[in-house]
Protein backbone atom coordinates (compact mmCIF):
# COMPACT_ATOMS: atom_id res chain seq x y z
CA MET A 1 -260.25 -4.29 -108.14
CA GLY A 2 -257.85 -6.93 -106.90
CA ARG A 3 -257.49 -10.36 -105.43
CA ASN A 4 -254.62 -12.72 -104.77
CA PRO A 5 -254.23 -14.88 -107.91
CA SER A 6 -253.64 -17.90 -105.70
CA GLN A 7 -257.30 -17.70 -104.65
CA LEU A 8 -258.47 -18.39 -108.20
CA PRO A 9 -258.83 -21.69 -110.04
CA MET A 10 -256.05 -22.37 -112.52
CA PRO A 11 -256.92 -22.38 -116.25
CA LEU A 12 -258.20 -25.78 -117.30
CA LEU A 13 -256.43 -27.01 -120.42
CA ARG A 14 -258.37 -29.52 -122.55
CA LEU A 15 -261.38 -28.96 -120.31
CA GLU A 16 -264.31 -31.33 -120.75
CA PRO A 17 -267.80 -29.99 -120.03
CA PRO A 18 -269.77 -31.47 -117.12
CA GLN A 19 -272.39 -34.13 -117.78
CA GLU A 20 -275.15 -31.78 -116.63
CA ARG A 21 -275.60 -28.22 -117.77
CA LEU A 22 -275.08 -25.70 -114.98
CA SER A 23 -277.62 -22.94 -114.49
CA ALA A 24 -276.94 -19.29 -115.13
CA ALA A 25 -277.26 -18.73 -111.38
CA GLU A 26 -274.49 -21.28 -110.73
CA LEU A 27 -272.24 -19.69 -113.33
CA ARG A 28 -272.80 -16.31 -111.72
CA ARG A 29 -271.94 -17.80 -108.33
CA ARG A 30 -268.69 -19.23 -109.67
CA ILE A 31 -267.73 -15.99 -111.35
CA ALA A 32 -268.52 -14.06 -108.16
CA ALA A 33 -266.33 -16.43 -106.17
CA GLY A 34 -263.40 -15.61 -108.43
CA GLY A 35 -263.50 -11.92 -107.63
CA PRO A 36 -262.97 -9.02 -110.04
CA ALA A 37 -262.91 -10.19 -113.65
CA LEU A 38 -261.80 -9.05 -117.07
CA VAL A 39 -263.97 -10.38 -119.90
CA ALA A 40 -262.51 -10.57 -123.41
CA LEU A 41 -265.44 -8.95 -125.23
CA SER A 42 -265.67 -9.24 -129.00
CA GLY A 43 -268.74 -8.22 -130.94
CA GLY A 44 -270.13 -11.76 -130.78
CA VAL A 45 -272.87 -13.27 -128.67
CA ASP A 46 -270.67 -15.77 -126.78
CA SER A 47 -268.46 -13.21 -125.07
CA ALA A 48 -271.47 -10.90 -124.64
CA VAL A 49 -273.19 -13.59 -122.56
CA VAL A 50 -270.08 -14.00 -120.41
CA ALA A 51 -269.96 -10.22 -119.93
CA ALA A 52 -273.62 -10.26 -118.91
CA LEU A 53 -273.01 -13.04 -116.37
CA ALA A 54 -269.96 -11.21 -115.04
CA VAL A 55 -271.68 -7.86 -114.60
CA ASP A 56 -274.64 -9.61 -112.93
CA ALA A 57 -272.26 -11.38 -110.56
CA LEU A 58 -269.73 -8.63 -109.91
CA GLY A 59 -271.27 -5.30 -110.79
CA GLU A 60 -268.57 -2.63 -111.00
CA GLU A 61 -265.88 -5.26 -110.44
CA ALA A 62 -266.47 -6.60 -113.96
CA LEU A 63 -264.42 -5.10 -116.79
CA ALA A 64 -264.98 -5.72 -120.50
CA ALA A 65 -261.89 -5.42 -122.70
CA THR A 66 -261.92 -5.43 -126.49
CA VAL A 67 -258.84 -5.92 -128.65
CA VAL A 68 -258.27 -3.23 -131.25
CA GLY A 69 -256.00 -4.16 -134.14
CA PRO A 70 -255.71 -4.49 -137.91
CA ALA A 71 -257.48 -7.87 -138.07
CA VAL A 72 -260.50 -6.72 -136.04
CA ALA A 73 -263.32 -5.38 -138.18
CA GLN A 74 -264.91 -2.06 -137.31
CA GLU A 75 -268.28 -3.81 -137.22
CA GLU A 76 -266.99 -6.02 -134.39
CA LEU A 77 -265.83 -2.98 -132.45
CA ALA A 78 -269.20 -1.30 -132.95
CA TRP A 79 -271.04 -4.36 -131.64
CA SER A 80 -268.78 -4.67 -128.60
CA THR A 81 -269.44 -1.02 -127.77
CA ARG A 82 -273.18 -1.51 -128.16
CA VAL A 83 -273.16 -4.59 -125.93
CA ALA A 84 -271.08 -2.90 -123.24
CA ARG A 85 -273.39 0.11 -123.17
CA HIS A 86 -276.43 -2.14 -122.98
CA LEU A 87 -274.95 -3.98 -120.00
CA GLY A 88 -273.56 -0.90 -118.29
CA ILE A 89 -270.20 -2.62 -117.91
CA THR A 90 -266.93 -0.69 -117.87
CA HIS A 91 -265.38 -1.11 -121.31
CA GLU A 92 -261.79 -0.56 -122.42
CA TRP A 93 -259.95 -0.84 -125.73
CA VAL A 94 -256.75 -2.90 -125.70
CA PRO A 95 -254.41 -2.32 -128.67
CA ALA A 96 -252.71 -5.44 -130.01
CA ASP A 97 -250.94 -5.83 -133.35
CA PRO A 98 -250.22 -9.42 -134.39
CA LEU A 99 -248.71 -8.07 -137.63
CA ALA A 100 -245.63 -7.28 -135.56
CA ASP A 101 -245.03 -11.05 -135.48
CA VAL A 102 -243.32 -12.15 -138.71
CA ALA A 103 -244.72 -15.68 -138.32
CA TYR A 104 -248.25 -14.28 -138.17
CA ARG A 105 -247.69 -12.26 -141.33
CA ALA A 106 -246.39 -15.41 -143.08
CA ASN A 107 -249.86 -16.89 -142.46
CA GLY A 108 -248.86 -20.47 -141.77
CA PRO A 109 -251.06 -23.10 -140.12
CA ASP A 110 -250.28 -21.58 -136.71
CA ARG A 111 -251.54 -18.09 -137.61
CA CYS A 112 -254.51 -18.24 -135.24
CA TYR A 113 -252.32 -19.34 -132.35
CA ARG A 114 -249.83 -16.56 -133.09
CA CYS A 115 -252.59 -13.97 -133.24
CA ARG A 116 -254.31 -15.02 -130.04
CA THR A 117 -250.99 -15.23 -128.24
CA VAL A 118 -250.44 -11.54 -129.01
CA GLU A 119 -254.02 -10.58 -128.20
CA GLY A 120 -254.31 -12.78 -125.11
CA GLY A 121 -251.04 -11.40 -123.82
CA ALA A 122 -252.25 -7.83 -124.29
CA LEU A 123 -255.51 -8.58 -122.48
CA ALA A 124 -253.68 -10.35 -119.65
CA ALA A 125 -251.34 -7.37 -119.31
CA ARG A 126 -254.32 -5.02 -119.05
CA ALA A 127 -255.85 -7.24 -116.37
CA ALA A 128 -252.58 -7.16 -114.43
CA GLU A 129 -252.46 -3.37 -114.72
CA ARG A 130 -255.94 -3.21 -113.20
CA GLY A 131 -255.11 -5.72 -110.45
CA ILE A 132 -257.53 -8.30 -111.86
CA ALA A 133 -256.66 -11.98 -111.59
CA GLN A 134 -259.79 -13.59 -113.08
CA LYS A 135 -259.86 -13.53 -116.89
CA LEU A 136 -262.82 -14.93 -118.86
CA ASP A 137 -263.68 -15.63 -122.48
CA GLY A 138 -266.66 -17.01 -124.43
CA VAL A 139 -265.58 -20.53 -125.43
CA HIS A 140 -268.47 -23.03 -125.11
CA GLY A 141 -269.19 -26.72 -125.63
CA ASP A 142 -269.76 -26.57 -129.38
CA ASP A 143 -266.17 -25.35 -129.79
CA LEU A 144 -264.67 -28.56 -128.40
CA GLY A 145 -264.95 -30.62 -131.57
CA GLU A 146 -262.84 -28.21 -133.59
CA ASP A 147 -259.16 -27.40 -133.86
CA ARG A 148 -258.95 -24.29 -131.72
CA PRO A 149 -255.33 -23.14 -131.41
CA GLY A 150 -256.61 -19.73 -130.39
CA THR A 151 -258.30 -21.27 -127.35
CA ARG A 152 -255.01 -22.85 -126.33
CA ALA A 153 -253.31 -19.47 -126.61
CA MET A 154 -255.95 -17.87 -124.41
CA GLU A 155 -255.58 -20.61 -121.81
CA GLU A 156 -251.83 -20.01 -121.80
CA ALA A 157 -252.62 -16.35 -121.10
CA GLY A 158 -254.64 -17.46 -118.06
CA PHE A 159 -258.20 -17.26 -119.39
CA ARG A 160 -261.05 -19.46 -118.13
CA HIS A 161 -264.12 -20.50 -120.11
CA PRO A 162 -267.18 -20.26 -117.83
CA LEU A 163 -269.63 -21.36 -120.55
CA LEU A 164 -267.58 -24.46 -121.27
CA GLU A 165 -267.18 -25.19 -117.57
CA GLY A 166 -270.96 -24.95 -117.28
CA GLY A 167 -271.67 -27.32 -120.15
CA TRP A 168 -273.31 -24.61 -122.26
CA ARG A 169 -273.59 -25.01 -126.01
CA LYS A 170 -274.44 -22.45 -128.68
CA ALA A 171 -278.17 -23.01 -128.30
CA ASP A 172 -277.89 -22.27 -124.57
CA VAL A 173 -275.91 -19.12 -125.32
CA ARG A 174 -278.51 -17.88 -127.80
CA ALA A 175 -281.39 -18.66 -125.44
CA PHE A 176 -279.78 -16.80 -122.54
CA ALA A 177 -278.88 -13.85 -124.77
CA THR A 178 -282.49 -13.59 -125.95
CA GLU A 179 -283.84 -13.84 -122.41
CA ARG A 180 -281.35 -11.25 -121.21
CA GLY A 181 -282.26 -8.95 -124.12
CA LEU A 182 -278.76 -8.67 -125.51
CA PRO A 183 -278.70 -6.62 -128.73
CA ASN A 184 -276.58 -9.22 -130.56
CA ALA A 185 -278.59 -12.28 -129.51
CA ASP A 186 -279.24 -13.27 -133.13
CA LEU A 187 -276.01 -11.93 -134.64
CA PRO A 188 -274.25 -14.48 -136.89
CA SER A 189 -270.90 -15.72 -135.65
CA ASN A 190 -267.80 -14.02 -136.99
CA ALA A 191 -264.02 -14.41 -136.97
CA CYS A 192 -260.97 -12.22 -137.48
CA LEU A 193 -260.38 -10.81 -140.93
CA ALA A 194 -257.14 -12.76 -141.38
CA SER A 195 -259.15 -16.00 -141.41
CA ARG A 196 -260.36 -15.02 -144.89
CA ILE A 197 -256.84 -15.08 -146.38
CA ALA A 198 -255.60 -18.37 -147.81
CA THR A 199 -252.91 -20.10 -145.76
CA GLY A 200 -249.45 -19.17 -147.01
CA GLU A 201 -250.45 -15.80 -148.47
CA THR A 202 -248.85 -12.90 -146.64
CA VAL A 203 -251.15 -11.00 -144.30
CA THR A 204 -250.84 -7.24 -144.73
CA PRO A 205 -252.81 -4.28 -143.36
CA GLU A 206 -253.86 -3.41 -146.90
CA LEU A 207 -255.25 -6.87 -147.62
CA LEU A 208 -257.12 -6.98 -144.30
CA ALA A 209 -258.68 -3.59 -145.07
CA GLN A 210 -259.62 -4.77 -148.58
CA VAL A 211 -261.40 -7.81 -147.15
CA GLU A 212 -263.25 -5.68 -144.60
CA ARG A 213 -264.45 -3.24 -147.27
CA ALA A 214 -265.56 -6.11 -149.52
CA GLU A 215 -267.62 -7.76 -146.81
CA ALA A 216 -269.20 -4.41 -145.94
CA VAL A 217 -270.22 -4.03 -149.59
CA VAL A 218 -271.98 -7.41 -149.65
CA ARG A 219 -273.67 -6.85 -146.28
CA GLY A 220 -274.83 -3.51 -147.61
CA LEU A 221 -276.85 -5.41 -150.21
CA GLY A 222 -278.91 -6.93 -147.42
CA PHE A 223 -277.03 -10.14 -146.64
CA GLY A 224 -276.47 -11.33 -143.07
CA ARG A 225 -273.40 -13.52 -142.66
CA VAL A 226 -270.77 -12.75 -145.30
CA ARG A 227 -267.30 -14.12 -145.94
CA VAL A 228 -265.02 -12.84 -148.69
CA ARG A 229 -262.18 -15.34 -148.91
CA VAL A 230 -259.05 -14.34 -150.78
CA ARG A 231 -256.52 -16.36 -152.75
CA GLU A 232 -254.13 -14.81 -155.27
CA SER A 233 -256.21 -11.63 -155.64
CA THR A 234 -259.39 -13.61 -156.28
CA ALA A 235 -262.32 -12.98 -153.95
CA ARG A 236 -264.74 -15.84 -153.28
CA VAL A 237 -267.99 -14.61 -151.77
CA GLU A 238 -269.94 -16.79 -149.34
CA VAL A 239 -273.33 -16.03 -147.81
CA ASP A 240 -275.63 -18.26 -145.78
CA PRO A 241 -277.06 -21.13 -147.89
CA GLU A 242 -280.61 -19.80 -147.65
CA GLU A 243 -279.43 -16.53 -149.22
CA VAL A 244 -277.40 -18.02 -152.07
CA ASP A 245 -280.19 -17.81 -154.65
CA ARG A 246 -280.53 -14.08 -154.04
CA LEU A 247 -276.77 -13.64 -154.37
CA PHE A 248 -276.98 -15.19 -157.84
CA GLU A 249 -279.82 -12.97 -159.01
CA PRO A 250 -278.46 -11.10 -162.07
CA VAL A 251 -278.70 -7.59 -160.66
CA THR A 252 -277.19 -8.55 -157.31
CA SER A 253 -274.48 -10.72 -158.85
CA ALA A 254 -273.46 -7.94 -161.22
CA ALA A 255 -273.33 -5.44 -158.38
CA VAL A 256 -271.10 -7.70 -156.26
CA HIS A 257 -268.71 -8.34 -159.15
CA ARG A 258 -268.50 -4.67 -160.08
CA ARG A 259 -268.03 -3.34 -156.55
CA LEU A 260 -265.40 -5.90 -155.53
CA GLU A 261 -263.45 -5.43 -158.73
CA GLU A 262 -263.48 -1.70 -158.01
CA LEU A 263 -261.86 -2.54 -154.67
CA GLY A 264 -258.95 -4.11 -156.53
CA PHE A 265 -259.73 -7.81 -156.73
CA ARG A 266 -258.55 -9.39 -159.97
CA ALA A 267 -261.49 -11.79 -160.09
CA VAL A 268 -264.66 -12.44 -158.10
CA ASP A 269 -266.30 -15.85 -157.61
CA LEU A 270 -269.69 -16.44 -156.00
CA ASP A 271 -269.84 -19.65 -153.97
CA ARG A 272 -272.91 -21.67 -154.94
CA ALA A 273 -272.65 -23.89 -151.82
CA GLY A 274 -272.76 -20.94 -149.43
CA TYR A 275 -271.09 -20.42 -146.08
CA ARG A 276 -269.74 -23.51 -144.28
CA ARG A 277 -268.64 -23.28 -140.68
CA ARG A 278 -264.88 -23.64 -140.24
CA ALA A 279 -262.78 -23.93 -137.09
CA SER A 280 -261.73 -20.28 -137.14
CA ALA A 281 -263.83 -18.53 -139.77
């Protein structure tokens, strides 16, 4: 794998999507024109679609790379592995530890940018090791209306956003994933574990692991999307609005309270409003 970086388009900061949605065939053509590519593959559907387009366009010259670190849930790693195997794309783990950055641990408003700077840098370094100039991620049109410091960090690391360039939105991503038969086509969106910790509270490996175990407990009771948000040792549990009534059923509610308290949370609150989409969580 290898191509002169000067042959590739530069990353497009503050990119606006085109007026017309580009076809999957056109996106494949553009990816193919860029030469060998590294795709930042999480367990989510957005990056899975980019990986599918890349392997269709480039075959063995497409590489999927997944960050492994303390803020990445094991469930995400399992889904990335499943997607990569489904696609038959070469898949590599890339270790990255944002906890090494004291500003990240302090969990200020720039935490997401700090994290993605570390992760994007690690992915870019792996691409350079493999002689790959084209780097792709799964940002799409529905991400534009949000504060996305992590996207800025990825652009600074040299990543392009083919779905955004093509004018694709989440509905387009889901439709393509279903048509392509991707195993995570209907998987709810997710975010790094640190996004659950209230701004200003120190991020530690122990707290990240506690959040991951808590969310696994709630999912184990049959819920789909789960967020366990933490502030001062209190866990607030969110599930999708259509599942809130079941969360508040006495037997289920008691089980959630008991199991999360056993994990070390001082108090457990169930959110009656349910999950609300946030910029990074």
